[in-house]
């Protein structure tokens, strides 16, 4: 019997060892105590169970809080309404000055505010705004080649606006009003310094020269700009006032409050001083220089002499007498290429010795002794 008990206890110790319990000694005196020890080791205590439950609840709560925080971070942020100006031509002012525009306000939640502004420009003024004289500068005809009215991109301060439909124009005045409205509307934004306007074929809008001047790098008009037969710096003969403003780095503005739509004088708003443009029917006809700080491409300037002029343009000079002047004369540079056959460069001298003015431009305007006074409405 003793052997059976001892064998049973030994088996019981082996069972505890397998269960991971090493409390069994070499001499076991109380089987009941050993049995209780086994139960205690195998069954977790009430406190341990509670701790585990609390830990699981805490983990579950933290998980719920984390999920809520993630959901909150993906909630859409409500956009703040923005006030945007849209510039329209206004009668009667824009009938005389094609570049005259006035702003109206529009409100949007769109993040693409430049696109929104052009959309509103195309939509035109409201009925109340039309009563005030504001007019619609942009009218389309035909279908779109891109599926919408236009595309716009802004890169390095340059906004490129390309219309996908044909833009209707009634002539020079319409061209100037369209460009003035677009330029003023887009340049209100700090991210836009200059604007390129293209037609549905990717050419400069209403550029009849075929030169696509709007795609060429502009040269800011300064005293370092050079005079030639076809203009000064980036400003070329036959450009509209809006085109000239776009490449000059400054607005070309009327020299007086109410310019004549047939012929009048304009100037660069921010200089340089001594530069005047004769504008006939909305396009630049001549450039007149009355400062010795600007030279021609051949280095001639105001105050130079006849011999200096002739040496700079050998074989190209025609000398003519000024009307109503005993001593006055003009040295007219004849074009050397067929492409410039309708252009001239004129050096005017009231004393017959030194240059007082330099005039570049197209025939016949460049030959008018009295400027706009010689222009007759067609």
Protein backbone atom coordinates (compact mmCIF):
# COMPACT_ATOMS: atom_id res chain seq x y z
CA UNK A 1 0.00 0.00 0.00
CA UNK A 2 2.79 2.35 0.87
CA UNK A 3 4.38 1.61 -2.48
CA UNK A 4 1.14 2.45 -4.29
CA UNK A 5 0.82 5.82 -2.51
CA UNK A 6 4.41 6.68 -3.17
CA UNK A 7 4.00 5.79 -6.85
CA UNK A 8 0.84 7.85 -7.05
CA UNK A 9 2.53 10.87 -5.52
CA UNK A 10 5.45 10.52 -7.89
CA UNK A 11 3.10 10.49 -10.86
CA UNK A 12 1.37 13.55 -9.45
CA UNK A 13 4.70 15.42 -9.25
CA UNK A 14 5.51 14.49 -12.80
CA UNK A 15 2.14 15.96 -13.85
CA UNK A 16 2.98 19.22 -12.09
CA UNK A 17 6.33 19.36 -13.85
CA UNK A 18 4.66 18.94 -17.23
CA UNK A 19 2.27 21.74 -16.25
CA UNK A 20 5.27 24.00 -15.66
CA UNK A 21 5.15 23.89 -11.89
CA UNK A 22 8.36 23.20 -9.98
CA UNK A 23 7.04 23.38 -6.42
CA UNK A 24 7.14 19.65 -5.95
CA UNK A 25 9.78 18.54 -3.41
CA UNK A 26 11.48 15.19 -3.03
CA UNK A 27 9.29 14.46 -0.05
CA UNK A 28 5.59 15.12 -0.29
CA UNK A 29 3.71 14.85 2.97
CA UNK A 30 0.21 15.98 2.06
CA UNK A 31 -1.47 14.94 -1.19
CA UNK A 32 -4.37 17.28 -0.56
CA UNK A 33 -2.02 20.26 -0.26
CA UNK A 34 -0.29 19.28 -3.52
CA UNK A 35 -3.64 18.96 -5.23
CA UNK A 36 -4.63 22.43 -4.07
CA UNK A 37 -1.32 23.80 -5.29
CA UNK A 38 -2.02 22.37 -8.75
CA UNK A 39 -5.49 23.93 -8.85
CA UNK A 40 -4.06 27.28 -7.81
CA UNK A 41 -1.35 27.16 -10.43
CA UNK A 42 -3.64 26.17 -13.25
CA UNK A 43 -6.61 28.47 -12.41
CA UNK A 44 -5.86 32.25 -12.62
CA UNK A 45 -6.70 34.28 -9.58
CA UNK A 46 -9.73 36.57 -9.51
CA UNK A 47 -7.47 39.67 -9.33
CA UNK A 48 -5.47 38.56 -12.35
CA UNK A 49 -8.68 38.04 -14.30
CA UNK A 50 -9.91 41.49 -13.37
CA UNK A 51 -6.59 43.09 -14.35
CA UNK A 52 -6.69 41.35 -17.70
CA UNK A 53 -10.28 42.50 -18.24
CA UNK A 54 -9.38 46.09 -17.34
CA UNK A 55 -6.41 45.98 -19.72
CA UNK A 56 -8.61 44.74 -22.56
CA UNK A 57 -11.19 47.45 -21.86
CA UNK A 58 -8.47 50.13 -21.80
CA UNK A 59 -6.99 48.84 -25.06
CA UNK A 60 -10.44 48.79 -26.65
CA UNK A 61 -11.08 52.38 -25.54
CA UNK A 62 -7.72 53.58 -26.90
CA UNK A 63 -8.44 51.85 -30.22
CA UNK A 64 -11.82 53.57 -30.43
CA UNK A 65 -10.20 56.96 -29.68
CA UNK A 66 -7.54 56.37 -32.34
CA UNK A 67 -10.19 55.46 -34.92
CA UNK A 68 -12.14 58.60 -34.05
CA UNK A 69 -9.02 60.75 -34.43
CA UNK A 70 -8.28 59.22 -37.84
CA UNK A 71 -11.85 59.75 -39.00
CA UNK A 72 -11.72 63.36 -37.83
CA UNK A 73 -8.51 63.99 -39.78
CA UNK A 74 -10.23 62.89 -42.99
CA UNK A 75 -13.30 65.06 -42.53
CA UNK A 76 -13.49 67.68 -45.35
CA UNK A 77 -12.50 71.21 -44.32
CA UNK A 78 -15.15 73.73 -45.20
CA UNK A 79 -13.79 76.20 -47.78
CA UNK A 80 -13.85 79.88 -46.89
CA UNK A 81 -15.77 81.95 -49.49
CA UNK A 82 -13.48 84.23 -51.52
CA UNK A 83 -14.35 87.55 -53.13
CA UNK A 84 -13.00 87.85 -56.67
CA UNK A 85 -13.02 90.84 -59.03
CA UNK A 86 -14.08 90.48 -62.66
CA UNK A 87 -13.30 93.38 -65.02
CA UNK A 88 -15.71 94.42 -67.79
CA UNK A 89 -15.59 97.21 -70.40
CA UNK A 90 -17.89 100.10 -69.60
CA UNK A 91 -19.61 102.54 -71.91
CA UNK A 92 -19.09 105.28 -72.78
CA UNK A 93 -15.49 105.25 -71.50
CA UNK A 94 -14.41 102.07 -73.34
CA UNK A 95 -15.78 103.49 -76.58
CA UNK A 96 -13.04 106.13 -76.49
CA UNK A 97 -10.36 104.29 -74.52
CA UNK A 98 -10.45 100.64 -75.61
CA UNK A 99 -8.44 99.61 -72.53
CA UNK A 100 -10.93 101.02 -70.01
CA UNK A 101 -12.47 98.39 -67.69
CA UNK A 102 -14.22 98.43 -64.32
CA UNK A 103 -14.42 95.65 -61.69
CA UNK A 104 -17.43 93.90 -60.18
CA UNK A 105 -17.37 91.37 -57.35
CA UNK A 106 -18.13 87.67 -57.47
CA UNK A 107 -17.95 85.12 -54.60
CA UNK A 108 -16.77 81.53 -54.83
CA UNK A 109 -15.75 78.53 -52.71
CA UNK A 110 -13.71 77.10 -55.60
CA UNK A 111 -9.97 76.62 -54.98
CA UNK A 112 -9.36 77.45 -58.67
CA UNK A 113 -10.14 81.15 -58.37
CA UNK A 114 -8.38 82.19 -61.60
CA UNK A 115 -10.45 79.71 -63.58
CA UNK A 116 -13.59 80.86 -61.78
CA UNK A 117 -12.81 84.51 -62.62
CA UNK A 118 -12.50 83.75 -66.36
CA UNK A 119 -15.71 81.71 -66.25
CA UNK A 120 -17.46 84.74 -64.78
CA UNK A 121 -15.91 87.01 -67.41
CA UNK A 122 -17.30 84.75 -70.14
CA UNK A 123 -20.70 84.65 -68.41
CA UNK A 124 -20.77 88.44 -68.65
CA UNK A 125 -22.27 91.15 -66.47
CA UNK A 126 -25.63 90.77 -64.75
CA UNK A 127 -28.70 92.64 -66.01
CA UNK A 128 -28.21 95.24 -63.26
CA UNK A 129 -24.56 95.67 -64.25
CA UNK A 130 -25.51 96.07 -67.90
CA UNK A 131 -27.80 98.95 -66.92
CA UNK A 132 -24.71 100.63 -65.48
CA UNK A 133 -22.99 100.39 -68.88
CA UNK A 134 -20.89 97.26 -68.37
CA UNK A 135 -20.66 95.03 -71.43
CA UNK A 136 -19.67 91.46 -72.30
CA UNK A 137 -16.18 91.38 -73.86
CA UNK A 138 -16.11 87.71 -74.93
CA UNK A 139 -18.43 85.99 -77.37
CA UNK A 140 -17.90 82.56 -78.89
CA UNK A 141 -18.91 80.85 -82.09
CA UNK A 142 -18.58 77.26 -83.24
CA UNK A 143 -17.73 74.15 -81.26
CA UNK A 144 -14.96 73.47 -78.78
CA UNK A 145 -11.82 71.51 -79.68
CA UNK A 146 -11.09 70.61 -76.04
CA UNK A 147 -14.55 69.87 -74.65
CA UNK A 148 -14.88 73.18 -72.78
CA UNK A 149 -14.61 76.93 -73.29
CA UNK A 150 -10.96 77.31 -72.31
CA UNK A 151 -7.96 75.94 -70.47
CA UNK A 152 -5.71 77.87 -68.11
CA UNK A 153 -2.37 77.14 -66.49
CA UNK A 154 -0.12 79.24 -64.26
CA UNK A 155 3.65 78.66 -64.25
CA UNK A 156 6.37 80.93 -62.84
CA UNK A 157 4.00 83.89 -62.65
CA UNK A 158 2.78 83.51 -66.25
CA UNK A 159 -0.87 82.66 -66.85
CA UNK A 160 -1.51 80.94 -70.20
CA UNK A 161 -5.16 81.15 -71.24
CA UNK A 162 -6.17 79.17 -74.34
CA UNK A 163 -9.66 79.42 -75.76
CA UNK A 164 -11.10 76.24 -77.24
CA UNK A 165 -13.78 78.03 -79.24
CA UNK A 166 -13.47 80.79 -81.83
CA UNK A 167 -13.63 84.23 -80.20
CA UNK A 168 -15.79 86.71 -82.07
CA UNK A 169 -14.19 90.11 -82.78
CA UNK A 170 -15.64 93.15 -84.51
CA UNK A 171 -12.23 94.74 -85.02
CA UNK A 172 -9.41 96.50 -83.17
CA UNK A 173 -11.66 97.92 -80.48
CA UNK A 174 -13.09 94.51 -79.58
CA UNK A 175 -9.61 92.98 -79.54
CA UNK A 176 -8.36 95.61 -77.12
CA UNK A 177 -11.40 95.34 -74.83
CA UNK A 178 -11.09 91.55 -74.67
CA UNK A 179 -7.42 91.63 -73.74
CA UNK A 180 -7.81 94.46 -71.25
CA UNK A 181 -10.62 92.61 -69.47
CA UNK A 182 -8.67 89.35 -69.33
CA UNK A 183 -5.40 90.97 -68.22
CA UNK A 184 -7.02 93.02 -65.47
CA UNK A 185 -9.04 90.04 -64.22
CA UNK A 186 -6.04 87.68 -64.02
CA UNK A 187 -3.41 90.14 -62.81
CA UNK A 188 -5.37 90.85 -59.64
CA UNK A 189 -3.91 87.60 -58.30
CA UNK A 190 -0.46 87.79 -56.68
CA UNK A 191 0.63 84.57 -58.43
CA UNK A 192 0.19 86.12 -61.90
CA UNK A 193 2.59 88.71 -63.32
CA UNK A 194 1.86 88.38 -67.03
CA UNK A 195 -0.78 86.81 -69.26
CA UNK A 196 -0.56 84.94 -72.58
CA UNK A 197 -3.87 84.67 -74.47
CA UNK A 198 -4.14 82.09 -77.24
CA UNK A 199 -6.85 81.24 -79.74
CA UNK A 200 -8.17 77.72 -80.36
CA UNK A 201 -5.23 77.01 -82.70
CA UNK A 202 -2.59 78.02 -80.15
CA UNK A 203 -1.75 81.35 -81.80
CA UNK A 204 -1.71 84.69 -79.99
CA UNK A 205 -5.29 85.97 -79.90
CA UNK A 206 -5.96 88.65 -82.56
CA UNK A 207 -2.27 88.88 -83.52
CA UNK A 208 -2.56 89.78 -87.19
CA UNK A 209 1.18 90.13 -87.68
CA UNK A 210 1.69 86.38 -87.76
CA UNK A 211 4.69 86.87 -85.45
CA UNK A 212 3.02 85.49 -82.29
CA UNK A 213 4.59 88.25 -80.23
CA UNK A 214 2.85 87.07 -77.06
CA UNK A 215 4.90 83.86 -77.12
CA UNK A 216 8.22 85.66 -77.37
CA UNK A 217 10.22 86.72 -74.35
CA UNK A 218 9.22 90.24 -73.40
CA UNK A 219 11.78 92.98 -72.93
CA UNK A 220 10.74 95.48 -70.29
CA UNK A 221 10.62 98.98 -71.70
CA UNK A 222 13.50 101.03 -70.23
CA UNK A 223 16.07 103.58 -71.36
CA UNK A 224 18.15 100.58 -72.43
CA UNK A 225 15.52 99.63 -75.04
CA UNK A 226 16.63 100.33 -78.59
CA UNK A 227 14.71 102.11 -81.34
CA UNK A 228 14.39 100.56 -84.80
CA UNK A 229 12.11 101.05 -87.78
CA UNK A 230 9.59 98.54 -86.44
CA UNK A 231 9.37 99.81 -82.84
CA UNK A 232 11.22 100.09 -79.56
CA UNK A 233 12.30 97.04 -77.59
CA UNK A 234 9.47 94.53 -77.45
CA UNK A 235 6.84 97.11 -78.46
CA UNK A 236 6.33 96.84 -82.20
CA UNK A 237 4.55 98.93 -84.82
CA UNK A 238 0.99 97.64 -85.51
CA UNK A 239 0.57 96.20 -82.02
CA UNK A 240 -2.65 97.00 -80.23
CA UNK A 241 -2.38 99.02 -77.03
CA UNK A 242 -3.19 95.89 -75.01
CA UNK A 243 -0.48 93.88 -76.78
CA UNK A 244 2.06 96.63 -76.19
CA UNK A 245 1.11 96.81 -72.51
CA UNK A 246 1.60 93.06 -72.24
CA UNK A 247 5.21 93.14 -73.47
CA UNK A 248 6.35 96.53 -72.15
CA UNK A 249 6.25 95.62 -68.46
CA UNK A 250 4.01 98.65 -67.92
CA UNK A 251 0.61 99.80 -69.13
CA UNK A 252 0.55 101.93 -72.28
CA UNK A 253 -1.91 104.65 -71.34
CA UNK A 254 -3.47 107.71 -73.03
CA UNK A 255 -1.50 110.93 -72.69
CA UNK A 256 -4.77 112.72 -71.98
CA UNK A 257 -8.06 111.83 -70.34
CA UNK A 258 -10.25 111.33 -73.43
CA UNK A 259 -8.22 109.98 -76.34
CA UNK A 260 -9.51 110.19 -79.89
CA UNK A 261 -10.39 106.71 -81.15
CA UNK A 262 -9.13 107.58 -84.65
CA UNK A 263 -5.72 108.95 -83.64
CA UNK A 264 -4.18 109.97 -80.33
CA UNK A 265 -1.03 109.78 -78.25
CA UNK A 266 -0.13 107.24 -75.59
CA UNK A 267 2.79 106.81 -73.21
CA UNK A 268 4.24 104.16 -70.90
CA UNK A 269 2.63 104.65 -67.48
CA UNK A 270 5.84 103.98 -65.55
CA UNK A 271 8.31 105.44 -68.01
CA UNK A 272 10.74 105.85 -69.47
CA UNK A 273 10.11 109.54 -69.98
CA UNK A 274 10.36 111.00 -73.45
CA UNK A 275 8.62 108.09 -75.21
CA UNK A 276 5.33 108.70 -77.05
CA UNK A 277 3.23 106.37 -79.19
CA UNK A 278 0.92 107.60 -81.93
CA UNK A 279 -2.04 105.21 -81.99
CA UNK A 280 -4.37 105.14 -84.97
CA UNK A 281 -7.54 103.03 -84.86
CA UNK A 282 -6.28 101.15 -81.83
CA UNK A 283 -2.84 100.21 -83.18
CA UNK A 284 0.60 101.75 -82.71
CA UNK A 285 1.58 103.70 -85.83
CA UNK A 286 4.73 105.49 -84.65
CA UNK A 287 7.15 105.73 -81.71
CA UNK A 288 8.58 109.16 -80.96
CA UNK A 289 11.68 109.69 -78.81
CA UNK A 290 12.55 113.06 -77.26
CA UNK A 291 15.27 112.04 -74.81
CA UNK A 292 18.99 111.47 -75.39
CA UNK A 293 18.93 108.55 -72.95
CA UNK A 294 17.55 106.20 -75.64
CA UNK A 295 19.46 105.27 -78.79
CA UNK A 296 18.67 103.49 -82.02
CA UNK A 297 20.01 100.00 -82.68
CA UNK A 298 22.86 101.75 -84.51
CA UNK A 299 23.66 104.03 -81.56
CA UNK A 300 22.12 107.31 -82.78
CA UNK A 301 20.42 109.54 -80.19
CA UNK A 302 18.92 113.00 -79.72
CA UNK A 303 21.61 115.74 -80.01
CA UNK A 304 23.66 113.76 -82.60
CA UNK A 305 24.73 115.47 -85.84
CA UNK A 306 24.01 114.84 -89.52
CA UNK A 307 27.46 113.37 -90.13
CA UNK A 308 26.96 110.86 -87.30
CA UNK A 309 23.63 109.79 -88.77
CA UNK A 310 25.02 109.34 -92.28
CA UNK A 311 27.93 107.28 -91.01
CA UNK A 312 25.55 104.98 -89.11
CA UNK A 313 23.22 104.50 -92.12
CA UNK A 314 25.44 104.81 -95.22
CA UNK A 315 23.52 105.06 -98.47
CA UNK A 316 20.11 104.95 -96.74
CA UNK A 317 19.57 108.65 -95.89
CA UNK A 318 17.14 110.95 -97.66
CA UNK A 319 17.22 114.59 -96.54
CA UNK A 320 14.02 116.65 -96.63
CA UNK A 321 13.15 120.18 -95.54
CA UNK A 322 10.66 120.75 -92.73
CA UNK A 323 7.54 122.66 -93.67
CA UNK A 324 7.26 126.20 -92.29
CA UNK A 325 10.89 126.15 -91.14
CA UNK A 326 13.85 128.00 -92.64
CA UNK A 327 16.54 125.81 -91.12
CA UNK A 328 14.68 122.68 -90.11
CA UNK A 329 15.30 119.39 -91.85
CA UNK A 330 14.73 115.69 -91.41
CA UNK A 331 17.01 112.75 -92.19
CA UNK A 332 14.87 109.83 -93.32
CA UNK A 333 16.36 106.32 -93.22
CA UNK A 334 15.07 104.19 -96.09
CA UNK A 335 14.49 100.47 -95.44
CA UNK A 336 17.13 98.03 -96.63
CA UNK A 337 14.81 95.00 -96.80
CA UNK A 338 11.50 94.29 -98.51
CA UNK A 339 9.98 93.21 -95.19
CA UNK A 340 10.35 96.80 -93.94
CA UNK A 341 9.22 98.53 -97.15
CA UNK A 342 6.38 100.33 -95.35
CA UNK A 343 8.52 101.47 -92.40
CA UNK A 344 10.76 104.49 -91.89
CA UNK A 345 13.11 105.94 -89.26
CA UNK A 346 13.14 109.74 -89.16
CA UNK A 347 15.55 112.10 -87.38
CA UNK A 348 14.06 115.57 -87.02
CA UNK A 349 16.16 118.72 -86.56
CA UNK A 350 14.71 122.18 -86.03
CA UNK A 351 18.08 123.88 -86.44
CA UNK A 352 19.30 121.73 -89.28
CA UNK A 353 22.37 120.61 -87.32
CA UNK A 354 21.46 118.31 -84.43
CA UNK A 355 18.66 115.87 -83.78
CA UNK A 356 15.67 117.03 -81.68
CA UNK A 357 13.37 114.00 -82.14
CA UNK A 358 13.55 110.47 -83.48
CA UNK A 359 10.44 108.89 -85.01
CA UNK A 360 10.01 105.27 -86.09
CA UNK A 361 6.87 103.94 -87.70
CA UNK A 362 4.79 103.05 -90.70
CA UNK A 363 3.90 105.03 -93.79
CA UNK A 364 2.01 107.35 -94.03
CA UNK A 365 1.80 108.27 -90.31
CA UNK A 366 5.57 108.49 -89.84
CA UNK A 367 5.66 111.25 -92.48
CA UNK A 368 2.92 113.42 -90.94
CA UNK A 369 4.42 116.79 -90.06
CA UNK A 370 1.59 117.57 -87.60
CA UNK A 371 1.09 114.07 -86.27
CA UNK A 372 -2.54 113.27 -85.44
CA UNK A 373 -3.63 116.63 -86.82
CA UNK A 374 -2.84 115.28 -90.28
CA UNK A 375 -5.00 112.17 -89.77
CA UNK A 376 -8.33 112.23 -91.55
CA UNK A 377 -11.11 109.88 -90.43
CA UNK A 378 -11.70 107.17 -93.02
